[in-house]
PDB file of all heavy atoms in Angstrom:
ATOM      1  N   GLY A   1      26.661  -0.953  59.905  1.00  0.00           N
ATOM      2  CA  GLY A   1      25.477  -0.893  59.061  1.00  0.00           C
ATOM      3  C   GLY A   1      25.632  -1.706  57.842  1.00  0.00           C
ATOM      4  O   GLY A   1      24.660  -1.880  57.145  1.00  0.00           O
ATOM      5  N   GLY A   2      26.847  -2.224  57.648  1.00  0.00           N
ATOM      6  CA  GLY A   2      27.049  -2.977  56.413  1.00  0.00           C
ATOM      7  C   GLY A   2      26.673  -4.488  56.591  1.00  0.00           C
ATOM      8  O   GLY A   2      26.164  -4.949  57.639  1.00  0.00           O
ATOM      9  N   SER A   3      26.960  -5.205  55.612  1.00  0.00           N
ATOM     10  CA  SER A   3      26.520  -6.727  55.579  1.00  0.00           C
ATOM     11  C   SER A   3      27.670  -7.582  55.143  1.00  0.00           C
ATOM     12  O   SER A   3      28.623  -7.072  54.527  1.00  0.00           O
ATOM     13  CB  SER A   3      25.391  -6.971  54.563  1.00  0.00           C
ATOM     14  OG  SER A   3      24.204  -6.239  54.893  1.00  0.00           O
ATOM     15  N   LEU A   4      27.653  -8.782  55.579  1.00  0.00           N
ATOM     16  CA  LEU A   4      28.622  -9.796  55.350  1.00  0.00           C
ATOM     17  C   LEU A   4      27.999 -11.176  55.345  1.00  0.00           C
ATOM     18  O   LEU A   4      27.056 -11.350  56.067  1.00  0.00           O
ATOM     19  CB  LEU A   4      29.714  -9.749  56.360  1.00  0.00           C
ATOM     20  CG  LEU A   4      31.186 -10.154  55.973  1.00  0.00           C
ATOM     21  CD1 LEU A   4      31.656  -9.400  54.841  1.00  0.00           C
ATOM     22  CD2 LEU A   4      32.071 -10.030  57.214  1.00  0.00           C
ATOM     23  N   ARG A   5      28.431 -12.117  54.573  1.00  0.00           N
ATOM     24  CA  ARG A   5      27.934 -13.529  54.582  1.00  0.00           C
ATOM     25  C   ARG A   5      29.116 -14.444  54.774  1.00  0.00           C
ATOM     26  O   ARG A   5      30.074 -14.430  54.027  1.00  0.00           O
ATOM     27  CB  ARG A   5      27.303 -13.845  53.241  1.00  0.00           C
ATOM     28  CG  ARG A   5      26.510 -15.239  53.439  1.00  0.00           C
ATOM     29  CD  ARG A   5      25.730 -15.578  52.159  1.00  0.00           C
ATOM     30  NE  ARG A   5      26.651 -16.088  51.066  1.00  0.00           N
ATOM     31  CZ  ARG A   5      26.281 -16.892  50.076  1.00  0.00           C
ATOM     32  NH1 ARG A   5      25.095 -17.289  50.017  1.00  0.00           N
ATOM     33  NH2 ARG A   5      27.237 -17.262  49.161  1.00  0.00           N
ATOM     34  N   LEU A   6      28.957 -15.242  55.848  1.00  0.00           N
ATOM     35  CA  LEU A   6      29.920 -16.281  56.198  1.00  0.00           C
ATOM     36  C   LEU A   6      29.556 -17.558  55.637  1.00  0.00           C
ATOM     37  O   LEU A   6      28.323 -17.847  55.526  1.00  0.00           O
ATOM     38  CB  LEU A   6      30.192 -16.359  57.679  1.00  0.00           C
ATOM     39  CG  LEU A   6      30.529 -15.078  58.370  1.00  0.00           C
ATOM     40  CD1 LEU A   6      30.725 -15.398  59.900  1.00  0.00           C
ATOM     41  CD2 LEU A   6      31.761 -14.480  57.832  1.00  0.00           C
ATOM     42  N   SER A   7      30.448 -18.380  55.220  1.00  0.00           N
ATOM     43  CA  SER A   7      30.222 -19.741  54.684  1.00  0.00           C
ATOM     44  C   SER A   7      30.983 -20.773  55.519  1.00  0.00           C
ATOM     45  O   SER A   7      32.154 -20.459  55.942  1.00  0.00           O
ATOM     46  CB  SER A   7      30.529 -19.916  53.242  1.00  0.00           C
ATOM     47  OG  SER A   7      29.758 -18.957  52.435  1.00  0.00           O
ATOM     48  N   CYS A   8      30.416 -21.995  55.626  1.00  0.00           N
ATOM     49  CA  CYS A   8      31.182 -23.080  56.319  1.00  0.00           C
ATOM     50  C   CYS A   8      30.927 -24.351  55.506  1.00  0.00           C
ATOM     51  O   CYS A   8      29.691 -24.794  55.507  1.00  0.00           O
ATOM     52  CB  CYS A   8      30.716 -23.158  57.804  1.00  0.00           C
ATOM     53  SG  CYS A   8      31.328 -24.663  58.631  1.00  0.00           S
ATOM     54  N   ALA A   9      31.870 -24.878  54.912  1.00  0.00           N
ATOM     55  CA  ALA A   9      31.871 -26.066  54.198  1.00  0.00           C
ATOM     56  C   ALA A   9      32.239 -27.278  55.025  1.00  0.00           C
ATOM     57  O   ALA A   9      33.364 -27.334  55.602  1.00  0.00           O
ATOM     58  CB  ALA A   9      32.637 -26.040  52.864  1.00  0.00           C
ATOM     59  N   ALA A  10      31.385 -28.294  55.082  1.00  0.00           N
ATOM     60  CA  ALA A  10      31.635 -29.479  55.865  1.00  0.00           C
ATOM     61  C   ALA A  10      31.986 -30.635  54.958  1.00  0.00           C
ATOM     62  O   ALA A  10      31.441 -30.780  53.957  1.00  0.00           O
ATOM     63  CB  ALA A  10      30.469 -29.864  56.703  1.00  0.00           C
ATOM     64  N   SER A  11      32.905 -31.454  55.421  1.00  0.00           N
ATOM     65  CA  SER A  11      33.363 -32.648  54.718  1.00  0.00           C
ATOM     66  C   SER A  11      33.690 -33.754  55.621  1.00  0.00           C
ATOM     67  O   SER A  11      33.875 -33.484  56.833  1.00  0.00           O
ATOM     68  CB  SER A  11      34.703 -32.263  53.721  1.00  0.00           C
ATOM     69  OG  SER A  11      35.639 -31.854  54.512  1.00  0.00           O
ATOM     70  N   GLY A  12      34.013 -34.957  55.125  1.00  0.00           N
ATOM     71  CA  GLY A  12      34.237 -36.086  55.957  1.00  0.00           C
ATOM     72  C   GLY A  12      33.018 -36.791  56.272  1.00  0.00           C
ATOM     73  O   GLY A  12      32.122 -37.090  55.451  1.00  0.00           O
ATOM     74  N   SER A  13      32.863 -37.192  57.582  1.00  0.00           N
ATOM     75  CA  SER A  13      31.748 -37.985  57.967  1.00  0.00           C
ATOM     76  C   SER A  13      30.456 -37.115  58.324  1.00  0.00           C
ATOM     77  O   SER A  13      29.922 -37.098  59.448  1.00  0.00           O
ATOM     78  CB  SER A  13      32.043 -38.846  59.158  1.00  0.00           C
ATOM     79  OG  SER A  13      33.151 -39.721  58.911  1.00  0.00           O
ATOM     80  N   THR A  14      30.035 -36.489  57.268  1.00  0.00           N
ATOM     81  CA  THR A  14      28.866 -35.456  57.443  1.00  0.00           C
ATOM     82  C   THR A  14      27.620 -36.140  57.776  1.00  0.00           C
ATOM     83  O   THR A  14      26.724 -35.582  58.325  1.00  0.00           O
ATOM     84  CB  THR A  14      28.691 -34.642  56.211  1.00  0.00           C
ATOM     85  OG1 THR A  14      28.541 -35.500  55.037  1.00  0.00           O
ATOM     86  CG2 THR A  14      29.980 -33.812  55.924  1.00  0.00           C
ATOM     87  N   SER A  15      27.469 -37.454  57.523  1.00  0.00           N
ATOM     88  CA  SER A  15      26.179 -38.161  57.817  1.00  0.00           C
ATOM     89  C   SER A  15      26.049 -38.230  59.359  1.00  0.00           C
ATOM     90  O   SER A  15      24.921 -38.556  59.861  1.00  0.00           O
ATOM     91  CB  SER A  15      26.120 -39.554  57.238  1.00  0.00           C
ATOM     92  OG  SER A  15      27.275 -40.344  57.760  1.00  0.00           O
ATOM     93  N   THR A  16      27.020 -38.038  60.238  1.00  0.00           N
ATOM     94  CA  THR A  16      26.986 -38.074  61.625  1.00  0.00           C
ATOM     95  C   THR A  16      26.492 -36.756  62.248  1.00  0.00           C
ATOM     96  O   THR A  16      26.278 -36.738  63.514  1.00  0.00           O
ATOM     97  CB  THR A  16      28.286 -38.522  62.229  1.00  0.00           C
ATOM     98  OG1 THR A  16      29.231 -37.449  62.058  1.00  0.00           O
ATOM     99  CG2 THR A  16      28.798 -39.780  61.595  1.00  0.00           C
ATOM    100  N   ILE A  17      26.441 -35.726  61.441  1.00  0.00           N
ATOM    101  CA  ILE A  17      26.131 -34.301  62.069  1.00  0.00           C
ATOM    102  C   ILE A  17      24.736 -34.264  62.402  1.00  0.00           C
ATOM    103  O   ILE A  17      23.727 -34.636  61.714  1.00  0.00           O
ATOM    104  CB  ILE A  17      26.416 -33.290  60.969  1.00  0.00           C
ATOM    105  CG1 ILE A  17      27.935 -33.239  60.653  1.00  0.00           C
ATOM    106  CG2 ILE A  17      25.993 -32.005  61.491  1.00  0.00           C
ATOM    107  CD1 ILE A  17      28.299 -32.395  59.576  1.00  0.00           C
ATOM    108  N   ILE A  18      24.446 -33.710  63.622  1.00  0.00           N
ATOM    109  CA  ILE A  18      23.105 -33.537  64.208  1.00  0.00           C
ATOM    110  C   ILE A  18      22.700 -32.058  64.156  1.00  0.00           C
ATOM    111  O   ILE A  18      21.509 -31.744  63.734  1.00  0.00           O
ATOM    112  CB  ILE A  18      23.014 -34.025  65.683  1.00  0.00           C
ATOM    113  CG1 ILE A  18      23.307 -35.528  65.689  1.00  0.00           C
ATOM    114  CG2 ILE A  18      21.669 -33.697  66.278  1.00  0.00           C
ATOM    115  CD1 ILE A  18      23.533 -36.046  67.169  1.00  0.00           C
ATOM    116  N   VAL A  19      23.588 -31.194  64.515  1.00  0.00           N
ATOM    117  CA  VAL A  19      23.346 -29.790  64.454  1.00  0.00           C
ATOM    118  C   VAL A  19      24.539 -29.035  63.975  1.00  0.00           C
ATOM    119  O   VAL A  19      25.713 -29.492  64.205  1.00  0.00           O
ATOM    120  CB  VAL A  19      22.890 -29.268  65.875  1.00  0.00           C
ATOM    121  CG1 VAL A  19      24.010 -29.500  66.852  1.00  0.00           C
ATOM    122  CG2 VAL A  19      22.470 -27.848  65.827  1.00  0.00           C
ATOM    123  N   MET A  20      24.399 -27.887  63.255  1.00  0.00           N
ATOM    124  CA  MET A  20      25.458 -27.027  62.943  1.00  0.00           C
ATOM    125  C   MET A  20      25.144 -25.616  63.367  1.00  0.00           C
ATOM    126  O   MET A  20      23.953 -25.224  63.440  1.00  0.00           O
ATOM    127  CB  MET A  20      25.746 -27.056  61.476  1.00  0.00           C
ATOM    128  CG  MET A  20      26.221 -28.494  60.990  1.00  0.00           C
ATOM    129  SD  MET A  20      26.828 -28.470  59.300  1.00  0.00           S
ATOM    130  CE  MET A  20      28.313 -27.421  59.407  1.00  0.00           C
ATOM    131  N   GLY A  21      26.148 -24.865  63.597  1.00  0.00           N
ATOM    132  CA  GLY A  21      25.960 -23.478  63.972  1.00  0.00           C
ATOM    133  C   GLY A  21      27.173 -22.591  63.888  1.00  0.00           C
ATOM    134  O   GLY A  21      28.234 -23.015  63.563  1.00  0.00           O
ATOM    135  N   TRP A  22      26.962 -21.350  64.298  1.00  0.00           N
ATOM    136  CA  TRP A  22      28.026 -20.385  64.333  1.00  0.00           C
ATOM    137  C   TRP A  22      28.169 -19.808  65.815  1.00  0.00           C
ATOM    138  O   TRP A  22      27.172 -19.538  66.508  1.00  0.00           O
ATOM    139  CB  TRP A  22      27.718 -19.200  63.523  1.00  0.00           C
ATOM    140  CG  TRP A  22      27.699 -19.580  62.038  1.00  0.00           C
ATOM    141  CD1 TRP A  22      26.616 -19.954  61.264  1.00  0.00           C
ATOM    142  CD2 TRP A  22      28.860 -19.614  61.176  1.00  0.00           C
ATOM    143  NE1 TRP A  22      27.043 -20.120  59.988  1.00  0.00           N
ATOM    144  CE2 TRP A  22      28.355 -19.862  59.898  1.00  0.00           C
ATOM    145  CE3 TRP A  22      30.228 -19.257  61.321  1.00  0.00           C
ATOM    146  CZ2 TRP A  22      29.255 -20.030  58.784  1.00  0.00           C
ATOM    147  CZ3 TRP A  22      31.058 -19.358  60.269  1.00  0.00           C
ATOM    148  CH2 TRP A  22      30.582 -19.770  58.941  1.00  0.00           C
ATOM    149  N   TYR A  23      29.505 -19.787  66.288  1.00  0.00           N
ATOM    150  CA  TYR A  23      29.819 -19.209  67.551  1.00  0.00           C
ATOM    151  C   TYR A  23      30.806 -18.018  67.193  1.00  0.00           C
ATOM    152  O   TYR A  23      31.355 -17.967  66.133  1.00  0.00           O
ATOM    153  CB  TYR A  23      30.573 -20.197  68.474  1.00  0.00           C
ATOM    154  CG  TYR A  23      29.653 -21.179  69.080  1.00  0.00           C
ATOM    155  CD1 TYR A  23      29.014 -22.254  68.261  1.00  0.00           C
ATOM    156  CD2 TYR A  23      29.328 -21.194  70.394  1.00  0.00           C
ATOM    157  CE1 TYR A  23      28.277 -23.267  68.873  1.00  0.00           C
ATOM    158  CE2 TYR A  23      28.473 -22.115  71.015  1.00  0.00           C
ATOM    159  CZ  TYR A  23      27.978 -23.172  70.233  1.00  0.00           C
ATOM    160  OH  TYR A  23      27.179 -24.135  70.810  1.00  0.00           O
ATOM    161  N   ARG A  24      30.937 -17.173  68.176  1.00  0.00           N
ATOM    162  CA  ARG A  24      31.873 -16.030  68.033  1.00  0.00           C
ATOM    163  C   ARG A  24      32.638 -15.799  69.259  1.00  0.00           C
ATOM    164  O   ARG A  24      32.124 -16.072  70.389  1.00  0.00           O
ATOM    165  CB  ARG A  24      31.239 -14.801  67.493  1.00  0.00           C
ATOM    166  CG  ARG A  24      30.293 -14.128  68.454  1.00  0.00           C
ATOM    167  CD  ARG A  24      29.634 -12.991  67.777  1.00  0.00           C
ATOM    168  NE  ARG A  24      28.706 -12.260  68.636  1.00  0.00           N
ATOM    169  CZ  ARG A  24      27.895 -11.273  68.361  1.00  0.00           C
ATOM    170  NH1 ARG A  24      27.842 -10.955  66.995  1.00  0.00           N
ATOM    171  NH2 ARG A  24      27.150 -10.725  69.251  1.00  0.00           N
ATOM    172  N   GLN A  25      33.798 -15.304  69.201  1.00  0.00           N
ATOM    173  CA  GLN A  25      34.588 -14.866  70.356  1.00  0.00           C
ATOM    174  C   GLN A  25      35.272 -13.620  70.079  1.00  0.00           C
ATOM    175  O   GLN A  25      36.122 -13.440  69.271  1.00  0.00           O
ATOM    176  CB  GLN A  25      35.716 -16.013  70.706  1.00  0.00           C
ATOM    177  CG  GLN A  25      36.384 -15.748  72.055  1.00  0.00           C
ATOM    178  CD  GLN A  25      37.213 -16.988  72.511  1.00  0.00           C
ATOM    179  OE1 GLN A  25      37.591 -17.837  71.653  1.00  0.00           O
ATOM    180  NE2 GLN A  25      37.406 -17.057  73.726  1.00  0.00           N
ATOM    181  N   ALA A  26      34.861 -12.610  70.900  1.00  0.00           N
ATOM    182  CA  ALA A  26      35.493 -11.316  70.764  1.00  0.00           C
ATOM    183  C   ALA A  26      36.588 -11.161  71.781  1.00  0.00           C
ATOM    184  O   ALA A  26      36.733 -11.911  72.760  1.00  0.00           O
ATOM    185  CB  ALA A  26      34.373 -10.275  71.220  1.00  0.00           C
ATOM    186  N   PRO A  27      37.499 -10.322  71.486  1.00  0.00           N
ATOM    187  CA  PRO A  27      38.665 -10.108  72.465  1.00  0.00           C
ATOM    188  C   PRO A  27      38.274  -9.868  73.929  1.00  0.00           C
ATOM    189  O   PRO A  27      37.388  -9.008  74.208  1.00  0.00           O
ATOM    190  CB  PRO A  27      39.409  -8.866  71.879  1.00  0.00           C
ATOM    191  CG  PRO A  27      39.097  -8.838  70.513  1.00  0.00           C
ATOM    192  CD  PRO A  27      37.640  -9.289  70.375  1.00  0.00           C
ATOM    193  N   GLY A  28      38.816 -10.664  74.847  1.00  0.00           N
ATOM    194  CA  GLY A  28      38.411 -10.502  76.291  1.00  0.00           C
ATOM    195  C   GLY A  28      37.147 -11.108  76.720  1.00  0.00           C
ATOM    196  O   GLY A  28      36.745 -10.962  77.770  1.00  0.00           O
ATOM    197  N   LYS A  29      36.515 -11.780  75.790  1.00  0.00           N
ATOM    198  CA  LYS A  29      35.210 -12.424  76.063  1.00  0.00           C
ATOM    199  C   LYS A  29      35.174 -13.879  75.750  1.00  0.00           C
ATOM    200  O   LYS A  29      36.031 -14.420  75.059  1.00  0.00           O
ATOM    201  CB  LYS A  29      34.092 -11.736  75.232  1.00  0.00           C
ATOM    202  CG  LYS A  29      33.830 -10.320  75.630  1.00  0.00           C
ATOM    203  CD  LYS A  29      32.629  -9.759  74.914  1.00  0.00           C
ATOM    204  CE  LYS A  29      32.323  -8.344  75.348  1.00  0.00           C
ATOM    205  NZ  LYS A  29      31.081  -7.869  74.606  1.00  0.00           N
ATOM    206  N   GLN A  30      34.316 -14.623  76.386  1.00  0.00           N
ATOM    207  CA  GLN A  30      34.102 -16.023  76.119  1.00  0.00           C
ATOM    208  C   GLN A  30      33.387 -16.312  74.854  1.00  0.00           C
ATOM    209  O   GLN A  30      32.724 -15.367  74.281  1.00  0.00           O
ATOM    210  CB  GLN A  30      33.376 -16.739  77.204  1.00  0.00           C
ATOM    211  CG  GLN A  30      34.068 -16.771  78.555  1.00  0.00           C
ATOM    212  CD  GLN A  30      33.491 -17.745  79.516  1.00  0.00           C
ATOM    213  OE1 GLN A  30      32.324 -18.094  79.469  1.00  0.00           O
ATOM    214  NE2 GLN A  30      34.208 -18.109  80.614  1.00  0.00           N
ATOM    215  N   ARG A  31      33.694 -17.483  74.215  1.00  0.00           N
ATOM    216  CA  ARG A  31      32.911 -17.834  73.041  1.00  0.00           C
ATOM    217  C   ARG A  31      31.413 -17.982  73.273  1.00  0.00           C
ATOM    218  O   ARG A  31      31.066 -18.605  74.351  1.00  0.00           O
ATOM    219  CB  ARG A  31      33.535 -19.132  72.474  1.00  0.00           C
ATOM    220  CG  ARG A  31      32.964 -19.494  71.107  1.00  0.00           C
ATOM    221  CD  ARG A  31      33.797 -20.789  70.572  1.00  0.00           C
ATOM    222  NE  ARG A  31      35.226 -20.472  70.475  1.00  0.00           N
ATOM    223  CZ  ARG A  31      36.085 -21.362  69.941  1.00  0.00           C
ATOM    224  NH1 ARG A  31      35.675 -22.536  69.527  1.00  0.00           N
ATOM    225  NH2 ARG A  31      37.349 -21.109  69.960  1.00  0.00           N
ATOM    226  N   GLU A  32      30.607 -17.478  72.463  1.00  0.00           N
ATOM    227  CA  GLU A  32      29.176 -17.512  72.659  1.00  0.00           C
ATOM    228  C   GLU A  32      28.499 -18.017  71.299  1.00  0.00           C
ATOM    229  O   GLU A  32      28.967 -17.848  70.173  1.00  0.00           O
ATOM    230  CB  GLU A  32      28.659 -16.148  72.981  1.00  0.00           C
ATOM    231  CG  GLU A  32      28.847 -15.074  71.871  1.00  0.00           C
ATOM    232  CD  GLU A  32      28.223 -13.704  72.241  1.00  0.00           C
ATOM    233  OE1 GLU A  32      27.561 -13.607  73.132  1.00  0.00           O
ATOM    234  OE2 GLU A  32      28.464 -12.796  71.402  1.00  0.00           O
ATOM    235  N   LEU A  33      27.400 -18.640  71.561  1.00  0.00           N
ATOM    236  CA  LEU A  33      26.559 -19.129  70.413  1.00  0.00           C
ATOM    237  C   LEU A  33      25.899 -17.873  69.813  1.00  0.00           C
ATOM    238  O   LEU A  33      25.247 -17.033  70.369  1.00  0.00           O
ATOM    239  CB  LEU A  33      25.467 -20.049  70.902  1.00  0.00           C
ATOM    240  CG  LEU A  33      24.399 -20.480  69.861  1.00  0.00           C
ATOM    241  CD1 LEU A  33      25.149 -21.397  68.879  1.00  0.00           C
ATOM    242  CD2 LEU A  33      23.263 -21.254  70.564  1.00  0.00           C
ATOM    243  N   VAL A  34      25.972 -17.860  68.412  1.00  0.00           N
ATOM    244  CA  VAL A  34      25.354 -16.832  67.515  1.00  0.00           C
ATOM    245  C   VAL A  34      24.052 -17.380  67.035  1.00  0.00           C
ATOM    246  O   VAL A  34      22.993 -16.713  67.055  1.00  0.00           O
ATOM    247  CB  VAL A  34      26.283 -16.331  66.532  1.00  0.00           C
ATOM    248  CG1 VAL A  34      25.600 -15.321  65.573  1.00  0.00           C
ATOM    249  CG2 VAL A  34      27.545 -15.718  67.123  1.00  0.00           C
TER     250      VAL A  34
END
């Protein structure tokens, strides 16, 4: 029921980036798009 905010800072050749996102992987499961 609580809240949390994740951050992701990008650096380097950031002008080449087309899309950004978040994935997650739980124990025993495959990585999935969030």
